[in-house]
Amino acid sequence: MSGTRHMQIGEVAERTGLSLRTIRYYGEVGLVEPSARSRGGFRLYTEEDVDRLQLIKRMKPLDFSLDETRELLETLDLLNAPETGPHRKKELSAVLDGFEESITERCQTLRKQLSMAEEFGDRLRTERSRIDITR
């Protein structure tokens, strides 16, 4: 643990843009538990914990469930574990491929929604410009 910089939850919240409540919740559900606790019992996080929170934050707008998020995090943990053998790494890589496909599909859906929203905004602006509000 020496040499590892620890941050309190407030600094982590500031760096990630997540609320204290959200960070605590992710700890309660086992997604990102604090790496340590201070003598006073305060949660302490490492840079790796911040990276993990950033990953979760990026998954949220794509509507990944907590279970899907947990599966991805566990897969990444196993891929990075030195004791994971080549055969298991190949299986885990296939899991990542599935996530990548899902992300691509979800991004396409979001692009379509954004396009429809932009068209809707254009339509409203066009209608508004036709209306003579001076009458």
N, C-alpha and C. Protein backbone atom coordinates (compact mmCIF):
# COMPACT_ATOMS: atom_id res chain seq x y z
N MET A 1 0.82 -1.19 0.00
CA MET A 1 0.00 0.00 0.00
C MET A 1 0.86 1.25 0.00
N SER A 2 2.13 1.13 0.38
CA SER A 2 3.00 2.30 0.36
C SER A 2 3.24 2.71 -1.09
N GLY A 3 3.28 4.02 -1.28
CA GLY A 3 3.47 4.53 -2.63
C GLY A 3 2.17 4.73 -3.39
N THR A 4 1.11 4.14 -2.92
CA THR A 4 -0.19 4.30 -3.55
C THR A 4 -0.88 5.52 -2.95
N ARG A 5 -1.26 6.43 -3.81
CA ARG A 5 -1.95 7.63 -3.35
C ARG A 5 -3.41 7.31 -3.11
N HIS A 6 -3.91 7.68 -1.96
CA HIS A 6 -5.31 7.47 -1.63
C HIS A 6 -6.04 8.81 -1.60
N MET A 7 -7.28 8.79 -2.07
CA MET A 7 -8.11 9.99 -2.11
C MET A 7 -9.37 9.74 -1.31
N GLN A 8 -9.84 10.77 -0.66
CA GLN A 8 -11.11 10.67 0.02
C GLN A 8 -12.24 10.81 -0.99
N ILE A 9 -13.42 10.41 -0.58
CA ILE A 9 -14.55 10.33 -1.49
C ILE A 9 -14.90 11.68 -2.13
N GLY A 10 -14.69 12.77 -1.40
CA GLY A 10 -14.98 14.10 -1.96
C GLY A 10 -14.13 14.41 -3.18
N GLU A 11 -12.86 14.09 -3.10
CA GLU A 11 -11.97 14.31 -4.24
C GLU A 11 -12.35 13.40 -5.41
N VAL A 12 -12.71 12.17 -5.10
CA VAL A 12 -13.13 11.23 -6.14
C VAL A 12 -14.40 11.74 -6.82
N ALA A 13 -15.33 12.25 -6.04
CA ALA A 13 -16.57 12.79 -6.59
C ALA A 13 -16.28 13.96 -7.52
N GLU A 14 -15.38 14.83 -7.08
CA GLU A 14 -15.02 15.98 -7.90
C GLU A 14 -14.36 15.54 -9.21
N ARG A 15 -13.49 14.57 -9.13
CA ARG A 15 -12.78 14.11 -10.34
C ARG A 15 -13.67 13.37 -11.31
N THR A 16 -14.65 12.64 -10.79
CA THR A 16 -15.49 11.81 -11.66
C THR A 16 -16.79 12.50 -12.07
N GLY A 17 -17.19 13.52 -11.33
CA GLY A 17 -18.48 14.15 -11.60
C GLY A 17 -19.65 13.34 -11.05
N LEU A 18 -19.36 12.34 -10.22
CA LEU A 18 -20.40 11.54 -9.60
C LEU A 18 -20.68 12.08 -8.20
N SER A 19 -21.90 11.89 -7.74
CA SER A 19 -22.24 12.35 -6.40
C SER A 19 -21.66 11.40 -5.36
N LEU A 20 -21.52 11.90 -4.14
CA LEU A 20 -21.05 11.07 -3.03
C LEU A 20 -22.00 9.87 -2.86
N ARG A 21 -23.27 10.16 -2.97
CA ARG A 21 -24.28 9.11 -2.80
C ARG A 21 -24.11 8.00 -3.85
N THR A 22 -23.87 8.39 -5.09
CA THR A 22 -23.68 7.42 -6.17
C THR A 22 -22.44 6.57 -5.92
N ILE A 23 -21.35 7.20 -5.52
CA ILE A 23 -20.12 6.46 -5.25
C ILE A 23 -20.33 5.48 -4.11
N ARG A 24 -21.00 5.93 -3.07
CA ARG A 24 -21.29 5.02 -1.95
C ARG A 24 -22.17 3.85 -2.41
N TYR A 25 -23.16 4.18 -3.23
CA TYR A 25 -24.06 3.13 -3.74
C TYR A 25 -23.28 2.08 -4.54
N TYR A 26 -22.38 2.54 -5.41
CA TYR A 26 -21.58 1.59 -6.19
C TYR A 26 -20.75 0.70 -5.27
N GLY A 27 -20.34 1.23 -4.14
CA GLY A 27 -19.63 0.41 -3.15
C GLY A 27 -20.57 -0.60 -2.51
N GLU A 28 -21.77 -0.17 -2.17
CA GLU A 28 -22.75 -1.06 -1.53
C GLU A 28 -23.12 -2.24 -2.42
N VAL A 29 -23.20 -2.00 -3.74
CA VAL A 29 -23.59 -3.08 -4.65
C VAL A 29 -22.38 -3.84 -5.19
N GLY A 30 -21.19 -3.48 -4.70
CA GLY A 30 -19.99 -4.24 -5.03
C GLY A 30 -19.33 -3.91 -6.35
N LEU A 31 -19.64 -2.76 -6.94
CA LEU A 31 -19.00 -2.39 -8.20
C LEU A 31 -17.63 -1.74 -7.98
N VAL A 32 -17.55 -0.83 -7.03
CA VAL A 32 -16.30 -0.16 -6.71
C VAL A 32 -16.25 0.05 -5.21
N GLU A 33 -15.54 -0.83 -4.56
CA GLU A 33 -15.39 -0.70 -3.11
C GLU A 33 -14.12 0.10 -2.83
N PRO A 34 -14.14 0.89 -1.76
CA PRO A 34 -12.93 1.65 -1.44
C PRO A 34 -11.75 0.72 -1.25
N SER A 35 -10.59 1.14 -1.70
CA SER A 35 -9.38 0.33 -1.56
C SER A 35 -8.89 0.27 -0.13
N ALA A 36 -9.26 1.28 0.65
CA ALA A 36 -8.80 1.33 2.04
C ALA A 36 -9.75 2.21 2.84
N ARG A 37 -9.50 2.24 4.13
CA ARG A 37 -10.23 3.13 5.03
C ARG A 37 -9.21 3.87 5.88
N SER A 38 -9.52 5.10 6.17
CA SER A 38 -8.63 5.87 7.05
C SER A 38 -8.85 5.40 8.48
N ARG A 39 -7.99 5.87 9.37
CA ARG A 39 -8.15 5.53 10.79
C ARG A 39 -9.51 5.96 11.30
N GLY A 40 -10.02 7.04 10.74
CA GLY A 40 -11.33 7.55 11.15
C GLY A 40 -12.48 6.86 10.44
N GLY A 41 -12.18 5.88 9.58
CA GLY A 41 -13.23 5.14 8.89
C GLY A 41 -13.66 5.72 7.56
N PHE A 42 -12.98 6.77 7.10
CA PHE A 42 -13.33 7.37 5.82
C PHE A 42 -12.91 6.47 4.67
N ARG A 43 -13.74 6.44 3.64
CA ARG A 43 -13.43 5.67 2.44
C ARG A 43 -12.23 6.30 1.73
N LEU A 44 -11.31 5.46 1.29
CA LEU A 44 -10.14 5.92 0.55
C LEU A 44 -10.06 5.18 -0.77
N TYR A 45 -9.80 5.92 -1.83
CA TYR A 45 -9.80 5.37 -3.18
C TYR A 45 -8.46 5.61 -3.85
N THR A 46 -8.13 4.73 -4.78
CA THR A 46 -6.90 4.85 -5.57
C THR A 46 -7.25 5.34 -6.97
N GLU A 47 -6.22 5.60 -7.74
CA GLU A 47 -6.40 6.00 -9.14
C GLU A 47 -7.15 4.91 -9.91
N GLU A 48 -6.86 3.65 -9.61
CA GLU A 48 -7.55 2.53 -10.26
C GLU A 48 -9.05 2.55 -9.95
N ASP A 49 -9.38 2.92 -8.72
CA ASP A 49 -10.79 3.02 -8.34
C ASP A 49 -11.48 4.13 -9.13
N VAL A 50 -10.77 5.25 -9.31
CA VAL A 50 -11.32 6.36 -10.09
C VAL A 50 -11.55 5.91 -11.53
N ASP A 51 -10.59 5.19 -12.11
CA ASP A 51 -10.75 4.68 -13.48
C ASP A 51 -11.97 3.77 -13.58
N ARG A 52 -12.15 2.95 -12.58
CA ARG A 52 -13.30 2.03 -12.56
C ARG A 52 -14.61 2.81 -12.50
N LEU A 53 -14.65 3.84 -11.68
CA LEU A 53 -15.85 4.69 -11.61
C LEU A 53 -16.11 5.40 -12.94
N GLN A 54 -15.05 5.84 -13.60
CA GLN A 54 -15.22 6.49 -14.91
C GLN A 54 -15.80 5.52 -15.93
N LEU A 55 -15.36 4.27 -15.87
CA LEU A 55 -15.91 3.26 -16.78
C LEU A 55 -17.40 3.06 -16.53
N ILE A 56 -17.77 2.94 -15.27
CA ILE A 56 -19.18 2.77 -14.92
C ILE A 56 -19.99 3.98 -15.39
N LYS A 57 -19.44 5.15 -15.20
CA LYS A 57 -20.12 6.38 -15.62
C LYS A 57 -20.38 6.39 -17.13
N ARG A 58 -19.44 5.84 -17.88
CA ARG A 58 -19.60 5.80 -19.34
C ARG A 58 -20.63 4.74 -19.77
N MET A 59 -20.83 3.73 -18.95
CA MET A 59 -21.80 2.68 -19.28
C MET A 59 -23.23 3.13 -19.01
N LYS A 60 -23.40 4.01 -18.04
CA LYS A 60 -24.74 4.41 -17.60
C LYS A 60 -25.60 4.98 -18.72
N PRO A 61 -25.12 5.94 -19.52
CA PRO A 61 -25.98 6.50 -20.58
C PRO A 61 -26.34 5.48 -21.66
N LEU A 62 -25.61 4.37 -21.70
CA LEU A 62 -25.91 3.33 -22.68
C LEU A 62 -26.86 2.29 -22.10
N ASP A 63 -27.41 2.58 -20.94
CA ASP A 63 -28.43 1.75 -20.29
C ASP A 63 -27.97 0.34 -19.95
N PHE A 64 -26.71 0.18 -19.58
CA PHE A 64 -26.26 -1.11 -19.08
C PHE A 64 -26.81 -1.30 -17.68
N SER A 65 -27.30 -2.48 -17.38
CA SER A 65 -27.83 -2.78 -16.05
C SER A 65 -26.67 -2.95 -15.07
N LEU A 66 -27.01 -2.98 -13.78
CA LEU A 66 -25.97 -3.23 -12.77
C LEU A 66 -25.33 -4.59 -12.98
N ASP A 67 -26.14 -5.59 -13.34
CA ASP A 67 -25.59 -6.93 -13.58
C ASP A 67 -24.64 -6.93 -14.78
N GLU A 68 -25.01 -6.23 -15.83
CA GLU A 68 -24.13 -6.15 -17.01
C GLU A 68 -22.84 -5.41 -16.66
N THR A 69 -22.98 -4.34 -15.88
CA THR A 69 -21.81 -3.58 -15.46
C THR A 69 -20.89 -4.45 -14.61
N ARG A 70 -21.49 -5.18 -13.69
CA ARG A 70 -20.72 -6.09 -12.83
C ARG A 70 -20.00 -7.14 -13.68
N GLU A 71 -20.71 -7.70 -14.67
CA GLU A 71 -20.11 -8.72 -15.54
C GLU A 71 -18.90 -8.16 -16.30
N LEU A 72 -19.04 -6.94 -16.82
CA LEU A 72 -17.93 -6.35 -17.55
C LEU A 72 -16.74 -6.10 -16.62
N LEU A 73 -17.00 -5.55 -15.44
CA LEU A 73 -15.92 -5.28 -14.49
C LEU A 73 -15.22 -6.57 -14.06
N GLU A 74 -15.99 -7.61 -13.79
CA GLU A 74 -15.40 -8.90 -13.41
C GLU A 74 -14.57 -9.48 -14.55
N THR A 75 -15.07 -9.33 -15.78
CA THR A 75 -14.34 -9.82 -16.94
C THR A 75 -13.00 -9.09 -17.07
N LEU A 76 -13.02 -7.78 -16.93
CA LEU A 76 -11.78 -7.00 -17.01
C LEU A 76 -10.82 -7.37 -15.89
N ASP A 77 -11.37 -7.57 -14.69
CA ASP A 77 -10.51 -7.96 -13.56
C ASP A 77 -9.82 -9.29 -13.85
N LEU A 78 -10.58 -10.25 -14.36
CA LEU A 78 -10.01 -11.57 -14.65
C LEU A 78 -8.99 -11.50 -15.79
N LEU A 79 -9.28 -10.69 -16.79
CA LEU A 79 -8.32 -10.53 -17.90
C LEU A 79 -7.00 -9.95 -17.42
N ASN A 80 -7.06 -9.09 -16.42
CA ASN A 80 -5.85 -8.44 -15.91
C ASN A 80 -5.17 -9.22 -14.79
N ALA A 81 -5.80 -10.29 -14.35
CA ALA A 81 -5.22 -11.08 -13.26
C ALA A 81 -4.08 -11.95 -13.80
N PRO A 82 -2.93 -11.93 -13.16
CA PRO A 82 -1.79 -12.70 -13.66
C PRO A 82 -2.03 -14.22 -13.67
N GLU A 83 -2.92 -14.70 -12.81
CA GLU A 83 -3.16 -16.14 -12.73
C GLU A 83 -4.14 -16.65 -13.79
N THR A 84 -4.74 -15.74 -14.55
CA THR A 84 -5.68 -16.16 -15.59
C THR A 84 -4.90 -16.72 -16.77
N GLY A 85 -5.20 -17.96 -17.12
CA GLY A 85 -4.49 -18.63 -18.20
C GLY A 85 -4.97 -18.22 -19.57
N PRO A 86 -4.22 -18.60 -20.61
CA PRO A 86 -4.53 -18.19 -21.98
C PRO A 86 -5.90 -18.67 -22.46
N HIS A 87 -6.29 -19.89 -22.12
CA HIS A 87 -7.59 -20.40 -22.55
C HIS A 87 -8.71 -19.57 -21.95
N ARG A 88 -8.60 -19.26 -20.67
CA ARG A 88 -9.62 -18.46 -19.99
C ARG A 88 -9.63 -17.04 -20.54
N LYS A 89 -8.45 -16.52 -20.86
CA LYS A 89 -8.38 -15.17 -21.43
C LYS A 89 -9.09 -15.10 -22.78
N LYS A 90 -8.99 -16.19 -23.55
CA LYS A 90 -9.68 -16.22 -24.84
C LYS A 90 -11.20 -16.20 -24.64
N GLU A 91 -11.68 -16.94 -23.65
CA GLU A 91 -13.11 -16.93 -23.32
C GLU A 91 -13.56 -15.54 -22.88
N LEU A 92 -12.75 -14.93 -22.05
CA LEU A 92 -13.08 -13.60 -21.54
C LEU A 92 -13.05 -12.56 -22.66
N SER A 93 -12.15 -12.74 -23.58
CA SER A 93 -12.09 -11.84 -24.73
C SER A 93 -13.37 -11.91 -25.55
N ALA A 94 -13.95 -13.11 -25.65
CA ALA A 94 -15.22 -13.26 -26.36
C ALA A 94 -16.34 -12.51 -25.63
N VAL A 95 -16.27 -12.48 -24.31
CA VAL A 95 -17.25 -11.71 -23.53
C VAL A 95 -17.11 -10.23 -23.88
N LEU A 96 -15.87 -9.74 -23.96
CA LEU A 96 -15.64 -8.34 -24.34
C LEU A 96 -16.16 -8.05 -25.74
N ASP A 97 -16.00 -9.02 -26.65
CA ASP A 97 -16.54 -8.85 -28.00
C ASP A 97 -18.04 -8.62 -27.96
N GLY A 98 -18.73 -9.38 -27.10
CA GLY A 98 -20.17 -9.21 -26.95
C GLY A 98 -20.53 -7.82 -26.43
N PHE A 99 -19.76 -7.33 -25.48
CA PHE A 99 -19.99 -5.98 -24.97
C PHE A 99 -19.75 -4.94 -26.06
N GLU A 100 -18.72 -5.15 -26.85
CA GLU A 100 -18.42 -4.20 -27.92
C GLU A 100 -19.56 -4.14 -28.93
N GLU A 101 -20.11 -5.29 -29.29
CA GLU A 101 -21.25 -5.32 -30.20
C GLU A 101 -22.44 -4.58 -29.60
N SER A 102 -22.69 -4.82 -28.32
CA SER A 102 -23.80 -4.16 -27.64
C SER A 102 -23.60 -2.65 -27.61
N ILE A 103 -22.39 -2.21 -27.36
CA ILE A 103 -22.09 -0.78 -27.33
C ILE A 103 -22.34 -0.16 -28.70
N THR A 104 -21.91 -0.84 -29.75
CA THR A 104 -22.12 -0.35 -31.10
C THR A 104 -23.61 -0.19 -31.40
N GLU A 105 -24.40 -1.19 -31.04
CA GLU A 105 -25.84 -1.13 -31.26
C GLU A 105 -26.47 0.00 -30.46
N ARG A 106 -26.07 0.15 -29.22
CA ARG A 106 -26.64 1.19 -28.37
C ARG A 106 -26.26 2.58 -28.88
N CYS A 107 -25.06 2.73 -29.38
CA CYS A 107 -24.64 4.01 -29.95
C CYS A 107 -25.47 4.34 -31.20
N GLN A 108 -25.73 3.34 -32.02
CA GLN A 108 -26.56 3.55 -33.21
C GLN A 108 -27.96 4.00 -32.81
N THR A 109 -28.51 3.38 -31.79
CA THR A 109 -29.83 3.77 -31.29
C THR A 109 -29.82 5.21 -30.81
N LEU A 110 -28.78 5.58 -30.05
CA LEU A 110 -28.68 6.95 -29.56
C LEU A 110 -28.53 7.96 -30.70
N ARG A 111 -27.77 7.59 -31.73
CA ARG A 111 -27.61 8.48 -32.89
C ARG A 111 -28.96 8.71 -33.58
N LYS A 112 -29.75 7.65 -33.71
CA LYS A 112 -31.08 7.78 -34.31
C LYS A 112 -31.97 8.68 -33.45
N GLN A 113 -31.91 8.49 -32.15
CA GLN A 113 -32.72 9.33 -31.25
C GLN A 113 -32.29 10.79 -31.34
N LEU A 114 -30.99 11.03 -31.39
CA LEU A 114 -30.48 12.39 -31.51
C LEU A 114 -30.92 13.01 -32.83
N SER A 115 -30.86 12.25 -33.90
CA SER A 115 -31.29 12.75 -35.20
C SER A 115 -32.77 13.12 -35.18
N MET A 116 -33.58 12.26 -34.57
CA MET A 116 -35.02 12.56 -34.49
C MET A 116 -35.26 13.80 -33.63
N ALA A 117 -34.52 13.95 -32.55
CA ALA A 117 -34.66 15.13 -31.69
C ALA A 117 -34.27 16.40 -32.44
N GLU A 118 -33.20 16.32 -33.23
CA GLU A 118 -32.77 17.48 -34.01
C GLU A 118 -33.81 17.84 -35.07
N GLU A 119 -34.37 16.83 -35.73
CA GLU A 119 -35.42 17.08 -36.71
C GLU A 119 -36.64 17.70 -36.05
N PHE A 120 -36.98 17.23 -34.87
CA PHE A 120 -38.11 17.77 -34.13
C PHE A 120 -37.86 19.24 -33.79
N GLY A 121 -36.66 19.56 -33.31
CA GLY A 121 -36.31 20.94 -33.00
C GLY A 121 -36.39 21.82 -34.24
N ASP A 122 -35.88 21.33 -35.37
CA ASP A 122 -35.96 22.08 -36.62
C ASP A 122 -37.40 22.34 -37.01
N ARG A 123 -38.23 21.34 -36.85
CA ARG A 123 -39.66 21.47 -37.20
C ARG A 123 -40.32 22.54 -36.34
N LEU A 124 -40.03 22.53 -35.04
CA LEU A 124 -40.61 23.54 -34.16
C LEU A 124 -40.13 24.94 -34.52
N ARG A 125 -38.85 25.07 -34.83
CA ARG A 125 -38.33 26.38 -35.23
C ARG A 125 -38.99 26.86 -36.53
N THR A 126 -39.20 25.95 -37.47
CA THR A 126 -39.87 26.29 -38.73
C THR A 126 -41.30 26.74 -38.47
N GLU A 127 -42.02 25.99 -37.66
CA GLU A 127 -43.40 26.36 -37.33
C GLU A 127 -43.44 27.70 -36.62
N ARG A 128 -42.53 27.91 -35.71
CA ARG A 128 -42.52 29.17 -34.96
C ARG A 128 -42.24 30.35 -35.88
N SER A 129 -41.35 30.16 -36.85
CA SER A 129 -41.01 31.27 -37.75
C SER A 129 -42.18 31.61 -38.67
N ARG A 130 -43.08 30.65 -38.89
CA ARG A 130 -44.27 30.92 -39.75
C ARG A 130 -45.36 31.67 -39.01
N ILE A 131 -45.31 31.58 -37.70
CA ILE A 131 -46.36 32.22 -36.92
C ILE A 131 -46.05 33.70 -36.77
N ASP A 132 -47.04 34.50 -37.08
CA ASP A 132 -46.88 35.95 -36.93
C ASP A 132 -47.36 36.31 -35.54
N ILE A 133 -46.43 36.54 -34.64
CA ILE A 133 -46.81 36.83 -33.25
C ILE A 133 -47.24 38.28 -33.06
N THR A 134 -47.17 39.10 -34.10
CA THR A 134 -47.56 40.50 -33.96
C THR A 134 -49.07 40.69 -34.15
N ARG A 135 -49.77 39.64 -34.58
CA ARG A 135 -51.21 39.81 -34.80
C ARG A 135 -51.96 39.82 -33.52
